[in-house]
Amino acid sequence: MFPFSFEWAWDAGHYLFFGGMWYTIIILSLGMTFCVVKTIVDTASGKGGHHGDDDAHHGTCCSNKGNNGHH
Protein backbone atom coordinates (compact mmCIF):
# COMPACT_ATOMS: atom_id res chain seq x y z
CA MET A 1 0.00 0.00 0.00
CA PHE A 2 1.34 3.43 -0.98
CA PRO A 3 0.64 6.91 0.48
CA PHE A 4 -1.03 8.04 -2.73
CA SER A 5 -3.50 5.15 -2.48
CA PHE A 6 -6.97 6.05 -1.19
CA GLU A 7 -6.85 3.27 1.42
CA TRP A 8 -3.80 4.79 3.10
CA ALA A 9 -4.47 5.70 6.72
CA TRP A 10 -2.07 8.12 8.37
CA ASP A 11 -1.65 6.86 11.92
CA ALA A 12 1.02 7.33 14.59
CA GLY A 13 3.15 4.47 13.22
CA HIS A 14 3.35 6.07 9.77
CA TYR A 15 4.23 9.47 11.22
CA LEU A 16 6.94 7.91 13.39
CA PHE A 17 8.42 5.83 10.57
CA PHE A 18 8.39 8.57 7.93
CA GLY A 19 9.58 11.18 10.43
CA GLY A 20 12.56 9.01 11.35
CA MET A 21 13.25 8.20 7.71
CA TRP A 22 13.26 11.85 6.62
CA TYR A 23 15.28 12.87 9.69
CA THR A 24 17.94 10.32 8.71
CA ILE A 25 17.92 11.37 5.05
CA ILE A 26 18.28 15.04 6.00
CA ILE A 27 21.17 14.39 8.43
CA LEU A 28 23.04 12.28 5.85
CA SER A 29 22.41 14.84 3.11
CA LEU A 30 23.66 17.72 5.27
CA GLY A 31 26.79 15.77 6.19
CA MET A 32 27.57 14.90 2.59
CA THR A 33 26.90 18.49 1.48
CA PHE A 34 29.29 19.78 4.15
CA CYS A 35 32.01 17.37 3.00
CA VAL A 36 31.62 18.32 -0.67
CA VAL A 37 31.59 22.07 0.06
CA LYS A 38 34.61 21.79 2.39
CA THR A 39 36.50 19.80 -0.26
CA ILE A 40 35.77 22.43 -2.91
CA VAL A 41 36.78 25.30 -0.60
CA ASP A 42 39.99 23.56 0.52
CA THR A 43 40.96 22.70 -3.04
CA ALA A 44 40.27 26.22 -4.29
CA SER A 45 42.35 27.75 -1.49
CA GLY A 46 45.27 25.38 -2.05
CA LYS A 47 44.88 23.57 1.27
CA GLY A 48 44.19 20.22 -0.39
CA GLY A 49 46.07 17.13 0.74
CA HIS A 50 49.29 16.05 -0.94
CA HIS A 51 48.61 12.33 -1.17
CA GLY A 52 51.54 10.36 -2.48
CA ASP A 53 53.93 13.31 -2.24
CA ASP A 54 56.53 12.32 0.36
CA ASP A 55 58.27 15.71 0.27
CA ALA A 56 55.10 17.49 1.39
CA HIS A 57 54.68 14.98 4.22
CA HIS A 58 58.24 15.44 5.51
CA GLY A 59 58.24 19.21 5.08
CA THR A 60 61.11 19.37 2.59
CA CYS A 61 61.31 21.40 -0.57
CA CYS A 62 61.62 20.07 -4.10
CA SER A 63 65.17 21.42 -4.35
CA ASN A 64 66.23 19.22 -1.40
CA LYS A 65 65.36 15.87 -2.97
CA GLY A 66 69.00 14.76 -2.94
CA ASN A 67 69.09 14.41 0.85
CA ASN A 68 66.06 12.06 1.06
CA GLY A 69 64.25 14.40 3.41
CA HIS A 70 66.87 14.26 6.18
CA HIS A 71 68.17 17.55 7.56
PDB file of N, CA and C in Angstrom:
ATOM      1  N   MET A   1       0.848  -1.175   0.000  1.00  0.00           N
ATOM      2  CA  MET A   1       0.000   0.000   0.000  1.00  0.00           C
ATOM      3  C   MET A   1       0.900   1.246   0.000  1.00  0.00           C
ATOM      4  N   PHE A   2       0.544   2.217  -0.807  1.00  0.00           N
ATOM      5  CA  PHE A   2       1.340   3.428  -0.981  1.00  0.00           C
ATOM      6  C   PHE A   2       0.593   4.644  -0.442  1.00  0.00           C
ATOM      7  N   PRO A   3       1.303   5.716  -0.072  1.00  0.00           N
ATOM      8  CA  PRO A   3       0.637   6.905   0.481  1.00  0.00           C
ATOM      9  C   PRO A   3      -0.338   7.561  -0.489  1.00  0.00           C
ATOM     10  N   PHE A   4      -0.120   7.401  -1.781  1.00  0.00           N
ATOM     11  CA  PHE A   4      -1.030   8.037  -2.732  1.00  0.00           C
ATOM     12  C   PHE A   4      -2.272   7.185  -2.979  1.00  0.00           C
ATOM     13  N   SER A   5      -2.330   6.013  -2.368  1.00  0.00           N
ATOM     14  CA  SER A   5      -3.502   5.151  -2.484  1.00  0.00           C
ATOM     15  C   SER A   5      -4.597   5.672  -1.553  1.00  0.00           C
ATOM     16  N   PHE A   6      -5.843   5.530  -1.967  1.00  0.00           N
ATOM     17  CA  PHE A   6      -6.970   6.054  -1.187  1.00  0.00           C
ATOM     18  C   PHE A   6      -7.160   5.292   0.124  1.00  0.00           C
ATOM     19  N   GLU A   7      -6.685   4.058   0.199  1.00  0.00           N
ATOM     20  CA  GLU A   7      -6.855   3.269   1.415  1.00  0.00           C
ATOM     21  C   GLU A   7      -5.805   3.597   2.473  1.00  0.00           C
ATOM     22  N   TRP A   8      -4.870   4.459   2.164  1.00  0.00           N
ATOM     23  CA  TRP A   8      -3.795   4.793   3.097  1.00  0.00           C
ATOM     24  C   TRP A   8      -4.376   5.519   4.300  1.00  0.00           C
ATOM     25  N   ALA A   9      -4.010   5.058   5.479  1.00  0.00           N
ATOM     26  CA  ALA A   9      -4.469   5.695   6.718  1.00  0.00           C
ATOM     27  C   ALA A   9      -3.249   6.212   7.474  1.00  0.00           C
ATOM     28  N   TRP A  10      -3.192   7.546   7.634  1.00  0.00           N
ATOM     29  CA  TRP A  10      -2.071   8.124   8.374  1.00  0.00           C
ATOM     30  C   TRP A  10      -2.327   7.940   9.863  1.00  0.00           C
ATOM     31  N   ASP A  11      -1.541   7.059  10.484  1.00  0.00           N
ATOM     32  CA  ASP A  11      -1.654   6.856  11.921  1.00  0.00           C
ATOM     33  C   ASP A  11      -0.295   7.148  12.561  1.00  0.00           C
ATOM     34  N   ALA A  12      -0.200   6.973  13.866  1.00  0.00           N
ATOM     35  CA  ALA A  12       1.022   7.325  14.593  1.00  0.00           C
ATOM     36  C   ALA A  12       2.229   6.534  14.090  1.00  0.00           C
ATOM     37  N   GLY A  13       2.046   5.286  13.720  1.00  0.00           N
ATOM     38  CA  GLY A  13       3.147   4.471  13.218  1.00  0.00           C
ATOM     39  C   GLY A  13       3.737   5.022  11.928  1.00  0.00           C
ATOM     40  N   HIS A  14       2.876   5.489  11.030  1.00  0.00           N
ATOM     41  CA  HIS A  14       3.347   6.069   9.775  1.00  0.00           C
ATOM     42  C   HIS A  14       4.091   7.377  10.025  1.00  0.00           C
ATOM     43  N   TYR A  15       3.551   8.213  10.897  1.00  0.00           N
ATOM     44  CA  TYR A  15       4.233   9.472  11.219  1.00  0.00           C
ATOM     45  C   TYR A  15       5.604   9.208  11.845  1.00  0.00           C
ATOM     46  N   LEU A  16       5.678   8.229  12.734  1.00  0.00           N
ATOM     47  CA  LEU A  16       6.936   7.911  13.391  1.00  0.00           C
ATOM     48  C   LEU A  16       7.950   7.366  12.381  1.00  0.00           C
ATOM     49  N   PHE A  17       7.514   6.433  11.544  1.00  0.00           N
ATOM     50  CA  PHE A  17       8.425   5.833  10.568  1.00  0.00           C
ATOM     51  C   PHE A  17       8.919   6.869   9.557  1.00  0.00           C
ATOM     52  N   PHE A  18       7.993   7.600   8.943  1.00  0.00           N
ATOM     53  CA  PHE A  18       8.390   8.568   7.931  1.00  0.00           C
ATOM     54  C   PHE A  18       9.150   9.743   8.544  1.00  0.00           C
ATOM     55  N   GLY A  19       8.814  10.132   9.755  1.00  0.00           N
ATOM     56  CA  GLY A  19       9.576  11.177  10.434  1.00  0.00           C
ATOM     57  C   GLY A  19      11.018  10.752  10.664  1.00  0.00           C
ATOM     58  N   GLY A  20      11.219   9.528  11.144  1.00  0.00           N
ATOM     59  CA  GLY A  20      12.565   9.012  11.345  1.00  0.00           C
ATOM     60  C   GLY A  20      13.320   8.842  10.045  1.00  0.00           C
ATOM     61  N   MET A  21      12.613   8.385   9.011  1.00  0.00           N
ATOM     62  CA  MET A  21      13.253   8.202   7.707  1.00  0.00           C
ATOM     63  C   MET A  21      13.730   9.536   7.142  1.00  0.00           C
ATOM     64  N   TRP A  22      12.862  10.558   7.171  1.00  0.00           N
ATOM     65  CA  TRP A  22      13.261  11.854   6.620  1.00  0.00           C
ATOM     66  C   TRP A  22      14.307  12.540   7.484  1.00  0.00           C
ATOM     67  N   TYR A  23      14.258  12.328   8.808  1.00  0.00           N
ATOM     68  CA  TYR A  23      15.284  12.865   9.690  1.00  0.00           C
ATOM     69  C   TYR A  23      16.645  12.283   9.317  1.00  0.00           C
ATOM     70  N   THR A  24      16.693  10.982   9.096  1.00  0.00           N
ATOM     71  CA  THR A  24      17.940  10.316   8.709  1.00  0.00           C
ATOM     72  C   THR A  24      18.431  10.802   7.354  1.00  0.00           C
ATOM     73  N   ILE A  25      17.539  10.908   6.391  1.00  0.00           N
ATOM     74  CA  ILE A  25      17.917  11.373   5.050  1.00  0.00           C
ATOM     75  C   ILE A  25      18.463  12.792   5.106  1.00  0.00           C
ATOM     76  N   ILE A  26      17.839  13.653   5.890  1.00  0.00           N
ATOM     77  CA  ILE A  26      18.281  15.044   5.995  1.00  0.00           C
ATOM     78  C   ILE A  26      19.656  15.131   6.656  1.00  0.00           C
ATOM     79  N   ILE A  27      19.870  14.373   7.739  1.00  0.00           N
ATOM     80  CA  ILE A  27      21.166  14.394   8.427  1.00  0.00           C
ATOM     81  C   ILE A  27      22.269  13.895   7.500  1.00  0.00           C
ATOM     82  N   LEU A  28      22.033  12.797   6.787  1.00  0.00           N
ATOM     83  CA  LEU A  28      23.039  12.282   5.853  1.00  0.00           C
ATOM     84  C   LEU A  28      23.298  13.265   4.707  1.00  0.00           C
ATOM     85  N   SER A  29      22.256  13.882   4.192  1.00  0.00           N
ATOM     86  CA  SER A  29      22.412  14.843   3.106  1.00  0.00           C
ATOM     87  C   SER A  29      23.196  16.080   3.562  1.00  0.00           C
ATOM     88  N   LEU A  30      22.925  16.570   4.750  1.00  0.00           N
ATOM     89  CA  LEU A  30      23.665  17.724   5.265  1.00  0.00           C
ATOM     90  C   LEU A  30      25.134  17.376   5.485  1.00  0.00           C
ATOM     91  N   GLY A  31      25.405  16.189   5.988  1.00  0.00           N
ATOM     92  CA  GLY A  31      26.788  15.768   6.195  1.00  0.00           C
ATOM     93  C   GLY A  31      27.548  15.647   4.890  1.00  0.00           C
ATOM     94  N   MET A  32      26.926  15.050   3.890  1.00  0.00           N
ATOM     95  CA  MET A  32      27.574  14.904   2.585  1.00  0.00           C
ATOM     96  C   MET A  32      27.760  16.265   1.921  1.00  0.00           C
ATOM     97  N   THR A  33      26.778  17.148   2.055  1.00  0.00           N
ATOM     98  CA  THR A  33      26.898  18.486   1.482  1.00  0.00           C
ATOM     99  C   THR A  33      28.046  19.243   2.133  1.00  0.00           C
ATOM    100  N   PHE A  34      28.181  19.136   3.446  1.00  0.00           N
ATOM    101  CA  PHE A  34      29.287  19.782   4.149  1.00  0.00           C
ATOM    102  C   PHE A  34      30.628  19.270   3.632  1.00  0.00           C
ATOM    103  N   CYS A  35      30.748  17.953   3.471  1.00  0.00           N
ATOM    104  CA  CYS A  35      32.010  17.369   2.998  1.00  0.00           C
ATOM    105  C   CYS A  35      32.355  17.841   1.587  1.00  0.00           C
ATOM    106  N   VAL A  36      31.373  17.890   0.706  1.00  0.00           N
ATOM    107  CA  VAL A  36      31.618  18.321  -0.669  1.00  0.00           C
ATOM    108  C   VAL A  36      32.013  19.798  -0.696  1.00  0.00           C
ATOM    109  N   VAL A  37      31.287  20.635   0.040  1.00  0.00           N
ATOM    110  CA  VAL A  37      31.591  22.068   0.062  1.00  0.00           C
ATOM    111  C   VAL A  37      32.966  22.312   0.671  1.00  0.00           C
ATOM    112  N   LYS A  38      33.307  21.618   1.767  1.00  0.00           N
ATOM    113  CA  LYS A  38      34.614  21.785   2.388  1.00  0.00           C
ATOM    114  C   LYS A  38      35.721  21.333   1.446  1.00  0.00           C
ATOM    115  N   THR A  39      35.507  20.267   0.704  1.00  0.00           N
ATOM    116  CA  THR A  39      36.496  19.804  -0.262  1.00  0.00           C
ATOM    117  C   THR A  39      36.727  20.835  -1.352  1.00  0.00           C
ATOM    118  N   ILE A  40      35.658  21.423  -1.854  1.00  0.00           N
ATOM    119  CA  ILE A  40      35.773  22.431  -2.913  1.00  0.00           C
ATOM    120  C   ILE A  40      36.495  23.664  -2.383  1.00  0.00           C
ATOM    121  N   VAL A  41      36.146  24.118  -1.182  1.00  0.00           N
ATOM    122  CA  VAL A  41      36.782  25.305  -0.603  1.00  0.00           C
ATOM    123  C   VAL A  41      38.257  25.043  -0.334  1.00  0.00           C
ATOM    124  N   ASP A  42      38.590  23.883   0.242  1.00  0.00           N
ATOM    125  CA  ASP A  42      39.989  23.563   0.522  1.00  0.00           C
ATOM    126  C   ASP A  42      40.809  23.438  -0.750  1.00  0.00           C
ATOM    127  N   THR A  43      40.243  22.842  -1.773  1.00  0.00           N
ATOM    128  CA  THR A  43      40.956  22.696  -3.039  1.00  0.00           C
ATOM    129  C   THR A  43      41.168  24.052  -3.703  1.00  0.00           C
ATOM    130  N   ALA A  44      40.155  24.903  -3.667  1.00  0.00           N
ATOM    131  CA  ALA A  44      40.270  26.221  -4.289  1.00  0.00           C
ATOM    132  C   ALA A  44      41.276  27.105  -3.557  1.00  0.00           C
ATOM    133  N   SER A  45      41.418  26.918  -2.244  1.00  0.00           N
ATOM    134  CA  SER A  45      42.347  27.748  -1.491  1.00  0.00           C
ATOM    135  C   SER A  45      43.746  27.143  -1.407  1.00  0.00           C
ATOM    136  N   GLY A  46      43.961  26.005  -2.021  1.00  0.00           N
ATOM    137  CA  GLY A  46      45.273  25.379  -2.049  1.00  0.00           C
ATOM    138  C   GLY A  46      45.610  24.595  -0.799  1.00  0.00           C
ATOM    139  N   LYS A  47      44.631  24.321   0.054  1.00  0.00           N
ATOM    140  CA  LYS A  47      44.882  23.565   1.274  1.00  0.00           C
ATOM    141  C   LYS A  47      44.594  22.076   1.089  1.00  0.00           C
ATOM    142  N   GLY A  48      44.477  21.630  -0.134  1.00  0.00           N
ATOM    143  CA  GLY A  48      44.193  20.221  -0.389  1.00  0.00           C
ATOM    144  C   GLY A  48      45.340  19.337   0.039  1.00  0.00           C
ATOM    145  N   GLY A  49      45.052  18.079   0.308  1.00  0.00           N
ATOM    146  CA  GLY A  49      46.074  17.132   0.742  1.00  0.00           C
ATOM    147  C   GLY A  49      47.049  16.819  -0.372  1.00  0.00           C
ATOM    148  N   HIS A  50      48.251  16.406   0.010  1.00  0.00           N
ATOM    149  CA  HIS A  50      49.291  16.049  -0.945  1.00  0.00           C
ATOM    150  C   HIS A  50      49.514  14.549  -0.875  1.00  0.00           C
ATOM    151  N   HIS A  51      48.530  13.778  -1.259  1.00  0.00           N
ATOM    152  CA  HIS A  51      48.614  12.330  -1.173  1.00  0.00           C
ATOM    153  C   HIS A  51      49.657  11.803  -2.141  1.00  0.00           C
ATOM    154  N   GLY A  52      50.517  10.961  -1.644  1.00  0.00           N
ATOM    155  CA  GLY A  52      51.542  10.359  -2.478  1.00  0.00           C
ATOM    156  C   GLY A  52      52.766  11.223  -2.659  1.00  0.00           C
ATOM    157  N   ASP A  53      52.786  12.410  -2.100  1.00  0.00           N
ATOM    158  CA  ASP A  53      53.926  13.314  -2.237  1.00  0.00           C
ATOM    159  C   ASP A  53      54.702  13.279  -0.928  1.00  0.00           C
ATOM    160  N   ASP A  54      55.768  12.496  -0.871  1.00  0.00           N
ATOM    161  CA  ASP A  54      56.532  12.317   0.365  1.00  0.00           C
ATOM    162  C   ASP A  54      57.199  13.600   0.822  1.00  0.00           C
ATOM    163  N   ASP A  55      57.606  14.465  -0.111  1.00  0.00           N
ATOM    164  CA  ASP A  55      58.269  15.706   0.271  1.00  0.00           C
ATOM    165  C   ASP A  55      57.333  16.610   1.053  1.00  0.00           C
ATOM    166  N   ALA A  56      56.057  16.659   0.665  1.00  0.00           N
ATOM    167  CA  ALA A  56      55.104  17.492   1.388  1.00  0.00           C
ATOM    168  C   ALA A  56      54.857  16.923   2.785  1.00  0.00           C
ATOM    169  N   HIS A  57      54.914  15.607   2.922  1.00  0.00           N
ATOM    170  CA  HIS A  57      54.683  14.981   4.222  1.00  0.00           C
ATOM    171  C   HIS A  57      55.846  15.251   5.180  1.00  0.00           C
ATOM    172  N   HIS A  58      57.073  15.245   4.668  1.00  0.00           N
ATOM    173  CA  HIS A  58      58.244  15.438   5.510  1.00  0.00           C
ATOM    174  C   HIS A  58      58.637  16.907   5.656  1.00  0.00           C
ATOM    175  N   GLY A  59      57.977  17.790   4.952  1.00  0.00           N
ATOM    176  CA  GLY A  59      58.236  19.211   5.081  1.00  0.00           C
ATOM    177  C   GLY A  59      59.488  19.668   4.365  1.00  0.00           C
ATOM    178  N   THR A  60      59.938  18.958   3.340  1.00  0.00           N
ATOM    179  CA  THR A  60      61.115  19.372   2.590  1.00  0.00           C
ATOM    180  C   THR A  60      60.685  19.999   1.285  1.00  0.00           C
ATOM    181  N   CYS A  61      61.583  20.718   0.686  1.00  0.00           N
ATOM    182  CA  CYS A  61      61.308  21.402  -0.574  1.00  0.00           C
ATOM    183  C   CYS A  61      61.745  20.520  -1.746  1.00  0.00           C
ATOM    184  N   CYS A  62      61.257  20.843  -2.909  1.00  0.00           N
ATOM    185  CA  CYS A  62      61.619  20.068  -4.103  1.00  0.00           C
ATOM    186  C   CYS A  62      63.106  20.165  -4.421  1.00  0.00           C
ATOM    187  N   SER A  63      63.745  21.265  -4.045  1.00  0.00           N
ATOM    188  CA  SER A  63      65.169  21.415  -4.347  1.00  0.00           C
ATOM    189  C   SER A  63      66.041  20.577  -3.410  1.00  0.00           C
ATOM    190  N   ASN A  64      65.466  20.013  -2.356  1.00  0.00           N
ATOM    191  CA  ASN A  64      66.227  19.222  -1.402  1.00  0.00           C
ATOM    192  C   ASN A  64      66.026  17.710  -1.577  1.00  0.00           C
ATOM    193  N   LYS A  65      65.642  17.280  -2.768  1.00  0.00           N
ATOM    194  CA  LYS A  65      65.360  15.871  -2.972  1.00  0.00           C
ATOM    195  C   LYS A  65      66.595  14.999  -2.835  1.00  0.00           C
ATOM    196  N   GLY A  66      67.778  15.546  -3.009  1.00  0.00           N
ATOM    197  CA  GLY A  66      68.996  14.760  -2.937  1.00  0.00           C
ATOM    198  C   GLY A  66      69.312  14.234  -1.547  1.00  0.00           C
ATOM    199  N   ASN A  67      68.769  14.858  -0.498  1.00  0.00           N
ATOM    200  CA  ASN A  67      69.091  14.408   0.850  1.00  0.00           C
ATOM    201  C   ASN A  67      68.028  13.478   1.445  1.00  0.00           C
ATOM    202  N   ASN A  68      67.093  13.005   0.638  1.00  0.00           N
ATOM    203  CA  ASN A  68      66.063  12.060   1.057  1.00  0.00           C
ATOM    204  C   ASN A  68      65.225  12.562   2.234  1.00  0.00           C
ATOM    205  N   GLY A  69      65.091  13.834   2.373  1.00  0.00           N
ATOM    206  CA  GLY A  69      64.249  14.398   3.411  1.00  0.00           C
ATOM    207  C   GLY A  69      64.896  14.525   4.774  1.00  0.00           C
ATOM    208  N   HIS A  70      66.172  14.153   4.901  1.00  0.00           N
ATOM    209  CA  HIS A  70      66.865  14.263   6.178  1.00  0.00           C
ATOM    210  C   HIS A  70      67.602  15.594   6.262  1.00  0.00           C
ATOM    211  N   HIS A  71      67.551  16.219   7.409  1.00  0.00           N
ATOM    212  CA  HIS A  71      68.169  17.548   7.562  1.00  0.00           C
ATOM    213  C   HIS A  71      69.508  17.397   8.192  1.00  0.00           C
TER     214      HIS A  71
END
